[in-house]
Amino acid sequence: MTPGSVMTVGQETMLVAVKLTAPILLTSLVVGLLIAMFQAATQINEMTLTFVPKLITLGVVLMFAGPWMIHVMVEYMQELVRSIPLLIG
C-alpha cells in the first residue's frame, strides 16, 4: 500500500463524511440561526427553545435524507471492499 493510495482513500473518506453530515449540520445551523434571531427580537432566553425545534427538524431531515445517506455509505463501503486487492498489492 503506497502513501498515494492511503491519501486517496483518506480523501475519499473525508468527502463521504462531508456529504453525509452536510444536511444535518446545515439544517441545524439554519434552525439555530432563526431561533437565535427570534430570541434576540423577543428577548426570550430559554435554552429549551433552541433544543426542541432543532431536535424536531433533525428528525425530519433524517427521515427524508436517511435513505440517501445509507445509500451513499453502502456504495462507498462496497467500493472500498472491492478495492482491497488493488490497495494491498
N, C-alpha and C. Protein backbone atom coordinates (compact mmCIF):
# COMPACT_ATOMS: atom_id res chain seq x y z
N MET A 1 0.85 -1.17 0.00
CA MET A 1 0.00 0.00 0.00
C MET A 1 0.90 1.24 0.00
N THR A 2 0.78 2.02 -1.04
CA THR A 2 1.64 3.18 -1.19
C THR A 2 1.06 4.38 -0.45
N PRO A 3 1.90 5.36 -0.15
CA PRO A 3 1.38 6.57 0.50
C PRO A 3 0.34 7.29 -0.35
N GLY A 4 0.46 7.20 -1.66
CA GLY A 4 -0.54 7.82 -2.53
C GLY A 4 -1.90 7.18 -2.41
N SER A 5 -1.93 5.85 -2.31
CA SER A 5 -3.23 5.18 -2.17
C SER A 5 -3.84 5.44 -0.81
N VAL A 6 -3.00 5.57 0.21
CA VAL A 6 -3.51 5.92 1.55
C VAL A 6 -4.14 7.31 1.52
N MET A 7 -3.48 8.24 0.86
CA MET A 7 -4.01 9.61 0.76
C MET A 7 -5.32 9.63 -0.04
N THR A 8 -5.39 8.84 -1.10
CA THR A 8 -6.61 8.78 -1.91
C THR A 8 -7.77 8.23 -1.10
N VAL A 9 -7.53 7.14 -0.37
CA VAL A 9 -8.60 6.56 0.46
C VAL A 9 -9.02 7.56 1.54
N GLY A 10 -8.04 8.25 2.13
CA GLY A 10 -8.36 9.25 3.15
C GLY A 10 -9.18 10.40 2.60
N GLN A 11 -8.83 10.86 1.39
CA GLN A 11 -9.57 11.96 0.77
C GLN A 11 -11.00 11.53 0.44
N GLU A 12 -11.16 10.32 -0.09
CA GLU A 12 -12.50 9.83 -0.41
C GLU A 12 -13.34 9.67 0.86
N THR A 13 -12.70 9.21 1.92
CA THR A 13 -13.41 9.05 3.19
C THR A 13 -13.88 10.40 3.73
N MET A 14 -13.03 11.39 3.67
CA MET A 14 -13.41 12.73 4.14
C MET A 14 -14.53 13.31 3.29
N LEU A 15 -14.49 13.08 1.98
CA LEU A 15 -15.54 13.58 1.10
C LEU A 15 -16.88 12.93 1.42
N VAL A 16 -16.87 11.63 1.66
CA VAL A 16 -18.11 10.93 2.02
C VAL A 16 -18.62 11.43 3.37
N ALA A 17 -17.71 11.67 4.32
CA ALA A 17 -18.11 12.18 5.63
C ALA A 17 -18.76 13.55 5.51
N VAL A 18 -18.21 14.41 4.66
CA VAL A 18 -18.79 15.73 4.46
C VAL A 18 -20.16 15.61 3.80
N LYS A 19 -20.28 14.74 2.82
CA LYS A 19 -21.58 14.53 2.15
C LYS A 19 -22.64 14.06 3.15
N LEU A 20 -22.25 13.17 4.05
CA LEU A 20 -23.22 12.60 4.98
C LEU A 20 -23.61 13.57 6.09
N THR A 21 -22.70 14.40 6.52
CA THR A 21 -23.01 15.30 7.63
C THR A 21 -23.57 16.65 7.19
N ALA A 22 -23.39 17.01 5.93
CA ALA A 22 -23.83 18.32 5.46
C ALA A 22 -25.32 18.59 5.67
N PRO A 23 -26.23 17.68 5.30
CA PRO A 23 -27.65 18.00 5.51
C PRO A 23 -28.01 18.23 6.98
N ILE A 24 -27.43 17.44 7.86
CA ILE A 24 -27.73 17.57 9.27
C ILE A 24 -27.15 18.87 9.83
N LEU A 25 -25.90 19.14 9.52
CA LEU A 25 -25.25 20.34 10.06
C LEU A 25 -25.85 21.62 9.50
N LEU A 26 -26.14 21.65 8.21
CA LEU A 26 -26.72 22.86 7.62
C LEU A 26 -28.12 23.14 8.17
N THR A 27 -28.91 22.10 8.33
CA THR A 27 -30.25 22.28 8.88
C THR A 27 -30.18 22.77 10.31
N SER A 28 -29.30 22.19 11.09
CA SER A 28 -29.14 22.62 12.48
C SER A 28 -28.67 24.07 12.55
N LEU A 29 -27.77 24.44 11.66
CA LEU A 29 -27.27 25.81 11.62
C LEU A 29 -28.38 26.80 11.29
N VAL A 30 -29.17 26.49 10.27
CA VAL A 30 -30.24 27.40 9.85
C VAL A 30 -31.30 27.53 10.94
N VAL A 31 -31.71 26.42 11.53
CA VAL A 31 -32.73 26.48 12.58
C VAL A 31 -32.19 27.22 13.80
N GLY A 32 -30.95 26.96 14.17
CA GLY A 32 -30.36 27.68 15.30
C GLY A 32 -30.28 29.17 15.05
N LEU A 33 -29.93 29.56 13.83
CA LEU A 33 -29.86 30.98 13.49
C LEU A 33 -31.23 31.65 13.55
N LEU A 34 -32.23 30.97 12.99
CA LEU A 34 -33.59 31.53 13.03
C LEU A 34 -34.10 31.68 14.46
N ILE A 35 -33.84 30.70 15.28
CA ILE A 35 -34.31 30.76 16.66
C ILE A 35 -33.53 31.81 17.44
N ALA A 36 -32.24 31.96 17.16
CA ALA A 36 -31.45 32.99 17.82
C ALA A 36 -31.95 34.39 17.46
N MET A 37 -32.33 34.57 16.19
CA MET A 37 -32.89 35.87 15.79
C MET A 37 -34.23 36.11 16.49
N PHE A 38 -35.05 35.06 16.61
CA PHE A 38 -36.32 35.19 17.31
C PHE A 38 -36.09 35.53 18.78
N GLN A 39 -35.13 34.87 19.40
CA GLN A 39 -34.84 35.13 20.80
C GLN A 39 -34.30 36.55 21.00
N ALA A 40 -33.48 37.02 20.07
CA ALA A 40 -32.95 38.37 20.18
C ALA A 40 -34.05 39.41 20.00
N ALA A 41 -35.00 39.11 19.12
CA ALA A 41 -36.09 40.07 18.89
C ALA A 41 -37.07 40.11 20.06
N THR A 42 -37.32 38.98 20.68
CA THR A 42 -38.31 38.91 21.77
C THR A 42 -37.68 38.92 23.15
N GLN A 43 -36.36 38.84 23.24
CA GLN A 43 -35.62 38.80 24.49
C GLN A 43 -36.05 37.64 25.39
N ILE A 44 -36.36 36.52 24.75
CA ILE A 44 -36.65 35.28 25.48
C ILE A 44 -35.37 34.47 25.51
N ASN A 45 -34.88 34.17 26.70
CA ASN A 45 -33.64 33.42 26.83
C ASN A 45 -33.91 32.06 27.45
N GLU A 46 -34.62 31.25 26.75
CA GLU A 46 -34.95 29.90 27.22
C GLU A 46 -34.12 28.90 26.42
N MET A 47 -33.36 28.06 27.12
CA MET A 47 -32.48 27.10 26.44
C MET A 47 -33.26 26.03 25.68
N THR A 48 -34.38 25.60 26.22
CA THR A 48 -35.14 24.55 25.54
C THR A 48 -35.78 25.05 24.26
N LEU A 49 -35.89 26.36 24.11
CA LEU A 49 -36.46 26.92 22.89
C LEU A 49 -35.59 26.62 21.68
N THR A 50 -34.29 26.47 21.87
CA THR A 50 -33.42 26.11 20.75
C THR A 50 -33.32 24.60 20.59
N PHE A 51 -33.39 23.87 21.68
CA PHE A 51 -33.17 22.43 21.63
C PHE A 51 -34.31 21.68 20.95
N VAL A 52 -35.53 21.96 21.32
CA VAL A 52 -36.68 21.20 20.82
C VAL A 52 -36.88 21.39 19.31
N PRO A 53 -36.88 22.61 18.78
CA PRO A 53 -37.04 22.73 17.32
C PRO A 53 -35.90 22.09 16.53
N LYS A 54 -34.66 22.20 17.05
CA LYS A 54 -33.54 21.55 16.37
C LYS A 54 -33.73 20.04 16.35
N LEU A 55 -34.15 19.49 17.46
CA LEU A 55 -34.38 18.05 17.54
C LEU A 55 -35.46 17.60 16.56
N ILE A 56 -36.53 18.36 16.47
CA ILE A 56 -37.62 18.02 15.55
C ILE A 56 -37.16 18.12 14.10
N THR A 57 -36.47 19.20 13.75
CA THR A 57 -36.04 19.35 12.36
C THR A 57 -34.98 18.32 11.99
N LEU A 58 -34.10 17.96 12.92
CA LEU A 58 -33.12 16.94 12.62
C LEU A 58 -33.79 15.58 12.40
N GLY A 59 -34.84 15.31 13.15
CA GLY A 59 -35.60 14.08 12.92
C GLY A 59 -36.23 14.07 11.54
N VAL A 60 -36.77 15.21 11.12
CA VAL A 60 -37.38 15.30 9.79
C VAL A 60 -36.33 15.16 8.70
N VAL A 61 -35.17 15.80 8.89
CA VAL A 61 -34.09 15.69 7.90
C VAL A 61 -33.62 14.25 7.80
N LEU A 62 -33.45 13.58 8.93
CA LEU A 62 -33.03 12.17 8.88
C LEU A 62 -34.09 11.29 8.24
N MET A 63 -35.35 11.63 8.42
CA MET A 63 -36.41 10.84 7.81
C MET A 63 -36.36 10.95 6.28
N PHE A 64 -36.08 12.15 5.78
CA PHE A 64 -36.06 12.34 4.33
C PHE A 64 -34.70 12.02 3.72
N ALA A 65 -33.61 12.41 4.39
CA ALA A 65 -32.28 12.22 3.83
C ALA A 65 -31.65 10.90 4.27
N GLY A 66 -32.25 10.21 5.22
CA GLY A 66 -31.69 8.97 5.73
C GLY A 66 -31.46 7.90 4.68
N PRO A 67 -32.44 7.61 3.84
CA PRO A 67 -32.21 6.61 2.79
C PRO A 67 -31.07 6.98 1.85
N TRP A 68 -30.98 8.25 1.49
CA TRP A 68 -29.87 8.70 0.65
C TRP A 68 -28.54 8.54 1.36
N MET A 69 -28.51 8.88 2.64
CA MET A 69 -27.28 8.77 3.42
C MET A 69 -26.82 7.31 3.52
N ILE A 70 -27.76 6.42 3.75
CA ILE A 70 -27.43 5.00 3.82
C ILE A 70 -26.93 4.50 2.46
N HIS A 71 -27.57 4.96 1.39
CA HIS A 71 -27.15 4.56 0.04
C HIS A 71 -25.71 5.01 -0.24
N VAL A 72 -25.39 6.25 0.10
CA VAL A 72 -24.03 6.77 -0.12
C VAL A 72 -23.03 5.96 0.69
N MET A 73 -23.35 5.66 1.93
CA MET A 73 -22.42 4.92 2.79
C MET A 73 -22.23 3.49 2.29
N VAL A 74 -23.30 2.84 1.89
CA VAL A 74 -23.19 1.46 1.40
C VAL A 74 -22.39 1.42 0.10
N GLU A 75 -22.64 2.37 -0.80
CA GLU A 75 -21.86 2.42 -2.05
C GLU A 75 -20.38 2.61 -1.77
N TYR A 76 -20.06 3.51 -0.85
CA TYR A 76 -18.66 3.75 -0.54
C TYR A 76 -18.01 2.52 0.08
N MET A 77 -18.70 1.86 0.99
CA MET A 77 -18.14 0.67 1.63
C MET A 77 -17.96 -0.46 0.62
N GLN A 78 -18.91 -0.64 -0.29
CA GLN A 78 -18.76 -1.67 -1.32
C GLN A 78 -17.57 -1.37 -2.22
N GLU A 79 -17.41 -0.12 -2.60
CA GLU A 79 -16.27 0.27 -3.44
C GLU A 79 -14.95 0.06 -2.69
N LEU A 80 -14.94 0.36 -1.41
CA LEU A 80 -13.74 0.19 -0.62
C LEU A 80 -13.37 -1.28 -0.46
N VAL A 81 -14.37 -2.14 -0.24
CA VAL A 81 -14.10 -3.57 -0.09
C VAL A 81 -13.64 -4.16 -1.43
N ARG A 82 -14.24 -3.70 -2.53
CA ARG A 82 -13.81 -4.19 -3.85
C ARG A 82 -12.38 -3.77 -4.19
N SER A 83 -11.95 -2.64 -3.66
CA SER A 83 -10.61 -2.15 -3.99
C SER A 83 -9.52 -2.68 -3.05
N ILE A 84 -9.87 -3.53 -2.10
CA ILE A 84 -8.86 -4.07 -1.19
C ILE A 84 -7.75 -4.81 -1.93
N PRO A 85 -8.06 -5.70 -2.89
CA PRO A 85 -6.95 -6.36 -3.58
C PRO A 85 -6.02 -5.38 -4.31
N LEU A 86 -6.58 -4.31 -4.86
CA LEU A 86 -5.74 -3.33 -5.54
C LEU A 86 -4.90 -2.54 -4.55
N LEU A 87 -5.46 -2.29 -3.37
CA LEU A 87 -4.73 -1.50 -2.37
C LEU A 87 -3.62 -2.29 -1.72
N ILE A 88 -3.82 -3.58 -1.56
CA ILE A 88 -2.83 -4.42 -0.88
C ILE A 88 -1.62 -4.67 -1.79
N GLY A 89 -1.88 -5.00 -3.00
CA GLY A 89 -0.72 -5.35 -3.83
C GLY A 89 -0.93 -5.05 -5.21
